[in-house]
Amino acid sequence: MAVTAGEVMLDSAGLLNDPSQTSYT
């Protein structure tokens, strides 16, 4: 299944303790 850049960035925001992407949009 193809992965998009948006999915990767969502993972990254979670690693930065911002899973809702409030700051790391």
mmCIF file of all heavy atoms, coordinates in Angstrom:
data_MODEL
# 
_entry.id   MODEL 
# 
loop_
_atom_site.group_PDB 
_atom_site.id 
_atom_site.type_symbol 
_atom_site.label_atom_id 
_atom_site.label_alt_id 
_atom_site.label_comp_id 
_atom_site.label_asym_id 
_atom_site.label_entity_id 
_atom_site.label_seq_id 
_atom_site.pdbx_PDB_ins_code 
_atom_site.Cartn_x 
_atom_site.Cartn_y 
_atom_site.Cartn_z 
_atom_site.occupancy 
_atom_site.B_iso_or_equiv 
_atom_site.pdbx_formal_charge 
_atom_site.auth_seq_id 
_atom_site.auth_comp_id 
_atom_site.auth_asym_id 
_atom_site.auth_atom_id 
_atom_site.pdbx_PDB_model_num 
ATOM 1   N N   . MET A 1 1  ? 0.846  -1.207 0.000  1.00 0.00 ? 1  MET A N   1 
ATOM 2   C CA  . MET A 1 1  ? 0.000  0.000  0.000  1.00 0.00 ? 1  MET A CA  1 
ATOM 3   C C   . MET A 1 1  ? 0.876  1.250  0.000  1.00 0.00 ? 1  MET A C   1 
ATOM 4   O O   . MET A 1 1  ? 1.812  1.367  0.792  1.00 0.00 ? 1  MET A O   1 
ATOM 5   C CB  . MET A 1 1  ? -0.916 -0.002 1.220  1.00 0.00 ? 1  MET A CB  1 
ATOM 6   C CG  . MET A 1 1  ? -1.885 1.163  1.290  1.00 0.00 ? 1  MET A CG  1 
ATOM 7   S SD  . MET A 1 1  ? -2.986 1.025  2.703  1.00 0.00 ? 1  MET A SD  1 
ATOM 8   C CE  . MET A 1 1  ? -3.904 2.556  2.541  1.00 0.00 ? 1  MET A CE  1 
ATOM 9   N N   . ALA A 1 2  ? 0.584  2.172  -0.894 1.00 0.00 ? 2  ALA A N   1 
ATOM 10  C CA  . ALA A 1 2  ? 1.383  3.393  -1.016 1.00 0.00 ? 2  ALA A CA  1 
ATOM 11  C C   . ALA A 1 2  ? 1.227  4.280  0.213  1.00 0.00 ? 2  ALA A C   1 
ATOM 12  O O   . ALA A 1 2  ? 0.147  4.399  0.791  1.00 0.00 ? 2  ALA A O   1 
ATOM 13  C CB  . ALA A 1 2  ? 0.964  4.155  -2.264 1.00 0.00 ? 2  ALA A CB  1 
ATOM 14  N N   . VAL A 1 3  ? 2.333  4.898  0.598  1.00 0.00 ? 3  VAL A N   1 
ATOM 15  C CA  . VAL A 1 3  ? 2.358  5.834  1.717  1.00 0.00 ? 3  VAL A CA  1 
ATOM 16  C C   . VAL A 1 3  ? 2.537  7.238  1.162  1.00 0.00 ? 3  VAL A C   1 
ATOM 17  O O   . VAL A 1 3  ? 3.307  7.454  0.223  1.00 0.00 ? 3  VAL A O   1 
ATOM 18  C CB  . VAL A 1 3  ? 3.516  5.496  2.685  1.00 0.00 ? 3  VAL A CB  1 
ATOM 19  C CG1 . VAL A 1 3  ? 3.624  6.541  3.786  1.00 0.00 ? 3  VAL A CG1 1 
ATOM 20  C CG2 . VAL A 1 3  ? 3.321  4.123  3.283  1.00 0.00 ? 3  VAL A CG2 1 
ATOM 21  N N   . THR A 1 4  ? 1.841  8.197  1.730  1.00 0.00 ? 4  THR A N   1 
ATOM 22  C CA  . THR A 1 4  ? 1.957  9.577  1.279  1.00 0.00 ? 4  THR A CA  1 
ATOM 23  C C   . THR A 1 4  ? 2.820  10.396 2.235  1.00 0.00 ? 4  THR A C   1 
ATOM 24  O O   . THR A 1 4  ? 3.054  10.004 3.385  1.00 0.00 ? 4  THR A O   1 
ATOM 25  C CB  . THR A 1 4  ? 0.577  10.244 1.168  1.00 0.00 ? 4  THR A CB  1 
ATOM 26  O OG1 . THR A 1 4  ? 0.001  10.339 2.485  1.00 0.00 ? 4  THR A OG1 1 
ATOM 27  C CG2 . THR A 1 4  ? -0.347 9.439  0.258  1.00 0.00 ? 4  THR A CG2 1 
ATOM 28  N N   . ALA A 1 5  ? 3.261  11.546 1.755  1.00 0.00 ? 5  ALA A N   1 
ATOM 29  C CA  . ALA A 1 5  ? 4.048  12.455 2.584  1.00 0.00 ? 5  ALA A CA  1 
ATOM 30  C C   . ALA A 1 5  ? 3.239  12.911 3.796  1.00 0.00 ? 5  ALA A C   1 
ATOM 31  O O   . ALA A 1 5  ? 3.785  13.077 4.896  1.00 0.00 ? 5  ALA A O   1 
ATOM 32  C CB  . ALA A 1 5  ? 4.489  13.659 1.759  1.00 0.00 ? 5  ALA A CB  1 
ATOM 33  N N   . GLY A 1 6  ? 1.934  13.079 3.615  1.00 0.00 ? 6  GLY A N   1 
ATOM 34  C CA  . GLY A 1 6  ? 1.080  13.497 4.719  1.00 0.00 ? 6  GLY A CA  1 
ATOM 35  C C   . GLY A 1 6  ? 1.061  12.487 5.854  1.00 0.00 ? 6  GLY A C   1 
ATOM 36  O O   . GLY A 1 6  ? 1.071  12.853 7.043  1.00 0.00 ? 6  GLY A O   1 
ATOM 37  N N   . GLU A 1 7  ? 1.075  11.200 5.502  1.00 0.00 ? 7  GLU A N   1 
ATOM 38  C CA  . GLU A 1 7  ? 1.090  10.153 6.532  1.00 0.00 ? 7  GLU A CA  1 
ATOM 39  C C   . GLU A 1 7  ? 2.415  10.142 7.278  1.00 0.00 ? 7  GLU A C   1 
ATOM 40  O O   . GLU A 1 7  ? 2.447  9.939  8.507  1.00 0.00 ? 7  GLU A O   1 
ATOM 41  C CB  . GLU A 1 7  ? 0.826  8.796  5.881  1.00 0.00 ? 7  GLU A CB  1 
ATOM 42  C CG  . GLU A 1 7  ? -0.593 8.633  5.354  1.00 0.00 ? 7  GLU A CG  1 
ATOM 43  C CD  . GLU A 1 7  ? -0.785 7.352  4.569  1.00 0.00 ? 7  GLU A CD  1 
ATOM 44  O OE1 . GLU A 1 7  ? -0.102 7.176  3.538  1.00 0.00 ? 7  GLU A OE1 1 
ATOM 45  O OE2 . GLU A 1 7  ? -1.613 6.528  4.996  1.00 0.00 ? 7  GLU A OE2 1 
ATOM 46  N N   . VAL A 1 8  ? 3.502  10.348 6.569  1.00 0.00 ? 8  VAL A N   1 
ATOM 47  C CA  . VAL A 1 8  ? 4.814  10.404 7.212  1.00 0.00 ? 8  VAL A CA  1 
ATOM 48  C C   . VAL A 1 8  ? 4.875  11.589 8.176  1.00 0.00 ? 8  VAL A C   1 
ATOM 49  O O   . VAL A 1 8  ? 5.359  11.469 9.310  1.00 0.00 ? 8  VAL A O   1 
ATOM 50  C CB  . VAL A 1 8  ? 5.943  10.517 6.168  1.00 0.00 ? 8  VAL A CB  1 
ATOM 51  C CG1 . VAL A 1 8  ? 7.295  10.739 6.844  1.00 0.00 ? 8  VAL A CG1 1 
ATOM 52  C CG2 . VAL A 1 8  ? 5.992  9.270  5.303  1.00 0.00 ? 8  VAL A CG2 1 
ATOM 53  N N   . MET A 1 9  ? 4.374  12.729 7.753  1.00 0.00 ? 9  MET A N   1 
ATOM 54  C CA  . MET A 1 9  ? 4.407  13.927 8.600  1.00 0.00 ? 9  MET A CA  1 
ATOM 55  C C   . MET A 1 9  ? 3.533  13.771 9.830  1.00 0.00 ? 9  MET A C   1 
ATOM 56  O O   . MET A 1 9  ? 3.857  14.284 10.909 1.00 0.00 ? 9  MET A O   1 
ATOM 57  C CB  . MET A 1 9  ? 4.014  15.157 7.784  1.00 0.00 ? 9  MET A CB  1 
ATOM 58  C CG  . MET A 1 9  ? 5.062  15.535 6.750  1.00 0.00 ? 9  MET A CG  1 
ATOM 59  S SD  . MET A 1 9  ? 4.752  17.108 5.914  1.00 0.00 ? 9  MET A SD  1 
ATOM 60  C CE  . MET A 1 9  ? 3.367  16.676 4.850  1.00 0.00 ? 9  MET A CE  1 
ATOM 61  N N   . LEU A 1 10 ? 2.430  13.054 9.704  1.00 0.00 ? 10 LEU A N   1 
ATOM 62  C CA  . LEU A 1 10 ? 1.583  12.785 10.867 1.00 0.00 ? 10 LEU A CA  1 
ATOM 63  C C   . LEU A 1 10 ? 2.343  11.933 11.880 1.00 0.00 ? 10 LEU A C   1 
ATOM 64  O O   . LEU A 1 10 ? 2.285  12.181 13.090 1.00 0.00 ? 10 LEU A O   1 
ATOM 65  C CB  . LEU A 1 10 ? 0.299  12.077 10.426 1.00 0.00 ? 10 LEU A CB  1 
ATOM 66  C CG  . LEU A 1 10 ? -0.700 11.721 11.543 1.00 0.00 ? 10 LEU A CG  1 
ATOM 67  C CD1 . LEU A 1 10 ? -1.178 12.977 12.273 1.00 0.00 ? 10 LEU A CD1 1 
ATOM 68  C CD2 . LEU A 1 10 ? -1.894 10.963 10.964 1.00 0.00 ? 10 LEU A CD2 1 
ATOM 69  N N   . ASP A 1 11 ? 3.075  10.936 11.387 1.00 0.00 ? 11 ASP A N   1 
ATOM 70  C CA  . ASP A 1 11 ? 3.912  10.120 12.267 1.00 0.00 ? 11 ASP A CA  1 
ATOM 71  C C   . ASP A 1 11 ? 4.957  10.986 12.963 1.00 0.00 ? 11 ASP A C   1 
ATOM 72  O O   . ASP A 1 11 ? 5.219  10.827 14.166 1.00 0.00 ? 11 ASP A O   1 
ATOM 73  C CB  . ASP A 1 11 ? 4.627  9.029  11.470 1.00 0.00 ? 11 ASP A CB  1 
ATOM 74  C CG  . ASP A 1 11 ? 3.679  7.981  10.908 1.00 0.00 ? 11 ASP A CG  1 
ATOM 75  O OD1 . ASP A 1 11 ? 2.545  7.871  11.400 1.00 0.00 ? 11 ASP A OD1 1 
ATOM 76  O OD2 . ASP A 1 11 ? 4.087  7.269  9.967  1.00 0.00 ? 11 ASP A OD2 1 
ATOM 77  N N   . SER A 1 12 ? 5.566  11.886 12.207 1.00 0.00 ? 12 SER A N   1 
ATOM 78  C CA  . SER A 1 12 ? 6.611  12.750 12.766 1.00 0.00 ? 12 SER A CA  1 
ATOM 79  C C   . SER A 1 12 ? 6.051  13.656 13.858 1.00 0.00 ? 12 SER A C   1 
ATOM 80  O O   . SER A 1 12 ? 6.689  13.865 14.898 1.00 0.00 ? 12 SER A O   1 
ATOM 81  C CB  . SER A 1 12 ? 7.238  13.602 11.659 1.00 0.00 ? 12 SER A CB  1 
ATOM 82  O OG  . SER A 1 12 ? 7.834  12.789 10.675 1.00 0.00 ? 12 SER A OG  1 
ATOM 83  N N   . ALA A 1 13 ? 4.873  14.191 13.619 1.00 0.00 ? 13 ALA A N   1 
ATOM 84  C CA  . ALA A 1 13 ? 4.240  15.044 14.639 1.00 0.00 ? 13 ALA A CA  1 
ATOM 85  C C   . ALA A 1 13 ? 4.001  14.257 15.922 1.00 0.00 ? 13 ALA A C   1 
ATOM 86  O O   . ALA A 1 13 ? 4.173  14.777 17.028 1.00 0.00 ? 13 ALA A O   1 
ATOM 87  C CB  . ALA A 1 13 ? 2.924  15.605 14.099 1.00 0.00 ? 13 ALA A CB  1 
ATOM 88  N N   . GLY A 1 14 ? 3.603  12.996 15.779 1.00 0.00 ? 14 GLY A N   1 
ATOM 89  C CA  . GLY A 1 14 ? 3.413  12.148 16.958 1.00 0.00 ? 14 GLY A CA  1 
ATOM 90  C C   . GLY A 1 14 ? 4.710  11.956 17.727 1.00 0.00 ? 14 GLY A C   1 
ATOM 91  O O   . GLY A 1 14 ? 4.723  11.987 18.966 1.00 0.00 ? 14 GLY A O   1 
ATOM 92  N N   . LEU A 1 15 ? 5.806  11.770 17.017 1.00 0.00 ? 15 LEU A N   1 
ATOM 93  C CA  . LEU A 1 15 ? 7.111  11.623 17.665 1.00 0.00 ? 15 LEU A CA  1 
ATOM 94  C C   . LEU A 1 15 ? 7.520  12.908 18.382 1.00 0.00 ? 15 LEU A C   1 
ATOM 95  O O   . LEU A 1 15 ? 8.312  12.872 19.330 1.00 0.00 ? 15 LEU A O   1 
ATOM 96  C CB  . LEU A 1 15 ? 8.170  11.257 16.623 1.00 0.00 ? 15 LEU A CB  1 
ATOM 97  C CG  . LEU A 1 15 ? 8.038  9.877  15.982 1.00 0.00 ? 15 LEU A CG  1 
ATOM 98  C CD1 . LEU A 1 15 ? 8.992  9.746  14.790 1.00 0.00 ? 15 LEU A CD1 1 
ATOM 99  C CD2 . LEU A 1 15 ? 8.316  8.771  17.001 1.00 0.00 ? 15 LEU A CD2 1 
ATOM 100 N N   . LEU A 1 16 ? 6.990  14.024 17.921 1.00 0.00 ? 16 LEU A N   1 
ATOM 101 C CA  . LEU A 1 16 ? 7.274  15.328 18.534 1.00 0.00 ? 16 LEU A CA  1 
ATOM 102 C C   . LEU A 1 16 ? 6.229  15.696 19.588 1.00 0.00 ? 16 LEU A C   1 
ATOM 103 O O   . LEU A 1 16 ? 6.119  16.856 19.990 1.00 0.00 ? 16 LEU A O   1 
ATOM 104 C CB  . LEU A 1 16 ? 7.326  16.397 17.445 1.00 0.00 ? 16 LEU A CB  1 
ATOM 105 C CG  . LEU A 1 16 ? 8.470  16.249 16.430 1.00 0.00 ? 16 LEU A CG  1 
ATOM 106 C CD1 . LEU A 1 16 ? 8.255  17.143 15.221 1.00 0.00 ? 16 LEU A CD1 1 
ATOM 107 C CD2 . LEU A 1 16 ? 9.806  16.526 17.086 1.00 0.00 ? 16 LEU A CD2 1 
ATOM 108 N N   . ASN A 1 17 ? 5.479  14.693 20.026 1.00 0.00 ? 17 ASN A N   1 
ATOM 109 C CA  . ASN A 1 17 ? 4.451  14.862 21.062 1.00 0.00 ? 17 ASN A CA  1 
ATOM 110 C C   . ASN A 1 17 ? 3.364  15.848 20.644 1.00 0.00 ? 17 ASN A C   1 
ATOM 111 O O   . ASN A 1 17 ? 2.837  16.616 21.452 1.00 0.00 ? 17 ASN A O   1 
ATOM 112 C CB  . ASN A 1 17 ? 5.087  15.315 22.392 1.00 0.00 ? 17 ASN A CB  1 
ATOM 113 C CG  . ASN A 1 17 ? 4.188  15.067 23.597 1.00 0.00 ? 17 ASN A CG  1 
ATOM 114 O OD1 . ASN A 1 17 ? 3.384  14.130 23.585 1.00 0.00 ? 17 ASN A OD1 1 
ATOM 115 N ND2 . ASN A 1 17 ? 4.293  15.905 24.620 1.00 0.00 ? 17 ASN A ND2 1 
ATOM 116 N N   . ASP A 1 18 ? 3.029  15.826 19.357 1.00 0.00 ? 18 ASP A N   1 
ATOM 117 C CA  . ASP A 1 18 ? 1.976  16.691 18.825 1.00 0.00 ? 18 ASP A CA  1 
ATOM 118 C C   . ASP A 1 18 ? 1.123  15.889 17.835 1.00 0.00 ? 18 ASP A C   1 
ATOM 119 O O   . ASP A 1 18 ? 1.046  16.230 16.648 1.00 0.00 ? 18 ASP A O   1 
ATOM 120 C CB  . ASP A 1 18 ? 2.602  17.911 18.141 1.00 0.00 ? 18 ASP A CB  1 
ATOM 121 C CG  . ASP A 1 18 ? 1.567  18.923 17.675 1.00 0.00 ? 18 ASP A CG  1 
ATOM 122 O OD1 . ASP A 1 18 ? 0.420  18.889 18.185 1.00 0.00 ? 18 ASP A OD1 1 
ATOM 123 O OD2 . ASP A 1 18 ? 1.893  19.733 16.777 1.00 0.00 ? 18 ASP A OD2 1 
ATOM 124 N N   . PRO A 1 19 ? 0.489  14.796 18.312 1.00 0.00 ? 19 PRO A N   1 
ATOM 125 C CA  . PRO A 1 19 ? -0.250 13.917 17.392 1.00 0.00 ? 19 PRO A CA  1 
ATOM 126 C C   . PRO A 1 19 ? -1.412 14.592 16.673 1.00 0.00 ? 19 PRO A C   1 
ATOM 127 O O   . PRO A 1 19 ? -1.802 14.157 15.587 1.00 0.00 ? 19 PRO A O   1 
ATOM 128 C CB  . PRO A 1 19 ? -0.737 12.790 18.309 1.00 0.00 ? 19 PRO A CB  1 
ATOM 129 C CG  . PRO A 1 19 ? -0.748 13.382 19.682 1.00 0.00 ? 19 PRO A CG  1 
ATOM 130 C CD  . PRO A 1 19 ? 0.403  14.339 19.708 1.00 0.00 ? 19 PRO A CD  1 
ATOM 131 N N   . SER A 1 20 ? -1.956 15.657 17.257 1.00 0.00 ? 20 SER A N   1 
ATOM 132 C CA  . SER A 1 20 ? -3.060 16.367 16.601 1.00 0.00 ? 20 SER A CA  1 
ATOM 133 C C   . SER A 1 20 ? -2.554 17.434 15.647 1.00 0.00 ? 20 SER A C   1 
ATOM 134 O O   . SER A 1 20 ? -3.342 18.126 15.004 1.00 0.00 ? 20 SER A O   1 
ATOM 135 C CB  . SER A 1 20 ? -3.978 17.001 17.657 1.00 0.00 ? 20 SER A CB  1 
ATOM 136 O OG  . SER A 1 20 ? -3.261 17.944 18.431 1.00 0.00 ? 20 SER A OG  1 
ATOM 137 N N   . GLN A 1 21 ? -1.252 17.576 15.565 1.00 0.00 ? 21 GLN A N   1 
ATOM 138 C CA  . GLN A 1 21 ? -0.587 18.541 14.682 1.00 0.00 ? 21 GLN A CA  1 
ATOM 139 C C   . GLN A 1 21 ? -1.054 19.977 14.941 1.00 0.00 ? 21 GLN A C   1 
ATOM 140 O O   . GLN A 1 21 ? -1.324 20.746 14.034 1.00 0.00 ? 21 GLN A O   1 
ATOM 141 C CB  . GLN A 1 21 ? -0.788 18.175 13.214 1.00 0.00 ? 21 GLN A CB  1 
ATOM 142 C CG  . GLN A 1 21 ? -0.060 16.892 12.801 1.00 0.00 ? 21 GLN A CG  1 
ATOM 143 C CD  . GLN A 1 21 ? -0.067 16.665 11.299 1.00 0.00 ? 21 GLN A CD  1 
ATOM 144 O OE1 . GLN A 1 21 ? -1.029 16.147 10.764 1.00 0.00 ? 21 GLN A OE1 1 
ATOM 145 N NE2 . GLN A 1 21 ? 1.020  17.050 10.635 1.00 0.00 ? 21 GLN A NE2 1 
ATOM 146 N N   . THR A 1 22 ? -1.101 20.320 16.222 1.00 0.00 ? 22 THR A N   1 
ATOM 147 C CA  . THR A 1 22 ? -1.455 21.689 16.605 1.00 0.00 ? 22 THR A CA  1 
ATOM 148 C C   . THR A 1 22 ? -0.345 22.671 16.261 1.00 0.00 ? 22 THR A C   1 
ATOM 149 O O   . THR A 1 22 ? -0.584 23.743 15.694 1.00 0.00 ? 22 THR A O   1 
ATOM 150 C CB  . THR A 1 22 ? -1.747 21.753 18.119 1.00 0.00 ? 22 THR A CB  1 
ATOM 151 O OG1 . THR A 1 22 ? -2.793 20.838 18.441 1.00 0.00 ? 22 THR A OG1 1 
ATOM 152 C CG2 . THR A 1 22 ? -2.165 23.164 18.529 1.00 0.00 ? 22 THR A CG2 1 
ATOM 153 N N   . SER A 1 23 ? 0.889  22.273 16.583 1.00 0.00 ? 23 SER A N   1 
ATOM 154 C CA  . SER A 1 23 ? 2.041  23.125 16.295 1.00 0.00 ? 23 SER A CA  1 
ATOM 155 C C   . SER A 1 23 ? 2.775  22.665 15.038 1.00 0.00 ? 23 SER A C   1 
ATOM 156 O O   . SER A 1 23 ? 3.132  23.472 14.176 1.00 0.00 ? 23 SER A O   1 
ATOM 157 C CB  . SER A 1 23 ? 3.016  23.121 17.480 1.00 0.00 ? 23 SER A CB  1 
ATOM 158 O OG  . SER A 1 23 ? 2.394  23.623 18.648 1.00 0.00 ? 23 SER A OG  1 
ATOM 159 N N   . TYR A 1 24 ? 2.983  21.346 14.948 1.00 0.00 ? 24 TYR A N   1 
ATOM 160 C CA  . TYR A 1 24 ? 3.701  20.799 13.806 1.00 0.00 ? 24 TYR A CA  1 
ATOM 161 C C   . TYR A 1 24 ? 2.719  20.388 12.712 1.00 0.00 ? 24 TYR A C   1 
ATOM 162 O O   . TYR A 1 24 ? 2.458  19.212 12.475 1.00 0.00 ? 24 TYR A O   1 
ATOM 163 C CB  . TYR A 1 24 ? 4.569  19.616 14.255 1.00 0.00 ? 24 TYR A CB  1 
ATOM 164 C CG  . TYR A 1 24 ? 5.710  20.025 15.154 1.00 0.00 ? 24 TYR A CG  1 
ATOM 165 C CD1 . TYR A 1 24 ? 5.628  19.842 16.536 1.00 0.00 ? 24 TYR A CD1 1 
ATOM 166 C CD2 . TYR A 1 24 ? 6.856  20.619 14.632 1.00 0.00 ? 24 TYR A CD2 1 
ATOM 167 C CE1 . TYR A 1 24 ? 6.666  20.230 17.368 1.00 0.00 ? 24 TYR A CE1 1 
ATOM 168 C CE2 . TYR A 1 24 ? 7.898  21.018 15.458 1.00 0.00 ? 24 TYR A CE2 1 
ATOM 169 C CZ  . TYR A 1 24 ? 7.805  20.821 16.824 1.00 0.00 ? 24 TYR A CZ  1 
ATOM 170 O OH  . TYR A 1 24 ? 8.835  21.211 17.647 1.00 0.00 ? 24 TYR A OH  1 
ATOM 171 N N   . THR A 1 25 ? 2.163  21.407 12.091 1.00 0.00 ? 25 THR A N   1 
ATOM 172 C CA  . THR A 1 25 ? 1.198  21.188 11.022 1.00 0.00 ? 25 THR A CA  1 
ATOM 173 C C   . THR A 1 25 ? 1.892  20.684 9.755  1.00 0.00 ? 25 THR A C   1 
ATOM 174 O O   . THR A 1 25 ? 3.124  20.711 9.652  1.00 0.00 ? 25 THR A O   1 
ATOM 175 C CB  . THR A 1 25 ? 0.456  22.488 10.696 1.00 0.00 ? 25 THR A CB  1 
ATOM 176 O OG1 . THR A 1 25 ? 1.415  23.445 10.208 1.00 0.00 ? 25 THR A OG1 1 
ATOM 177 C CG2 . THR A 1 25 ? -0.226 23.067 11.940 1.00 0.00 ? 25 THR A CG2 1 
# 
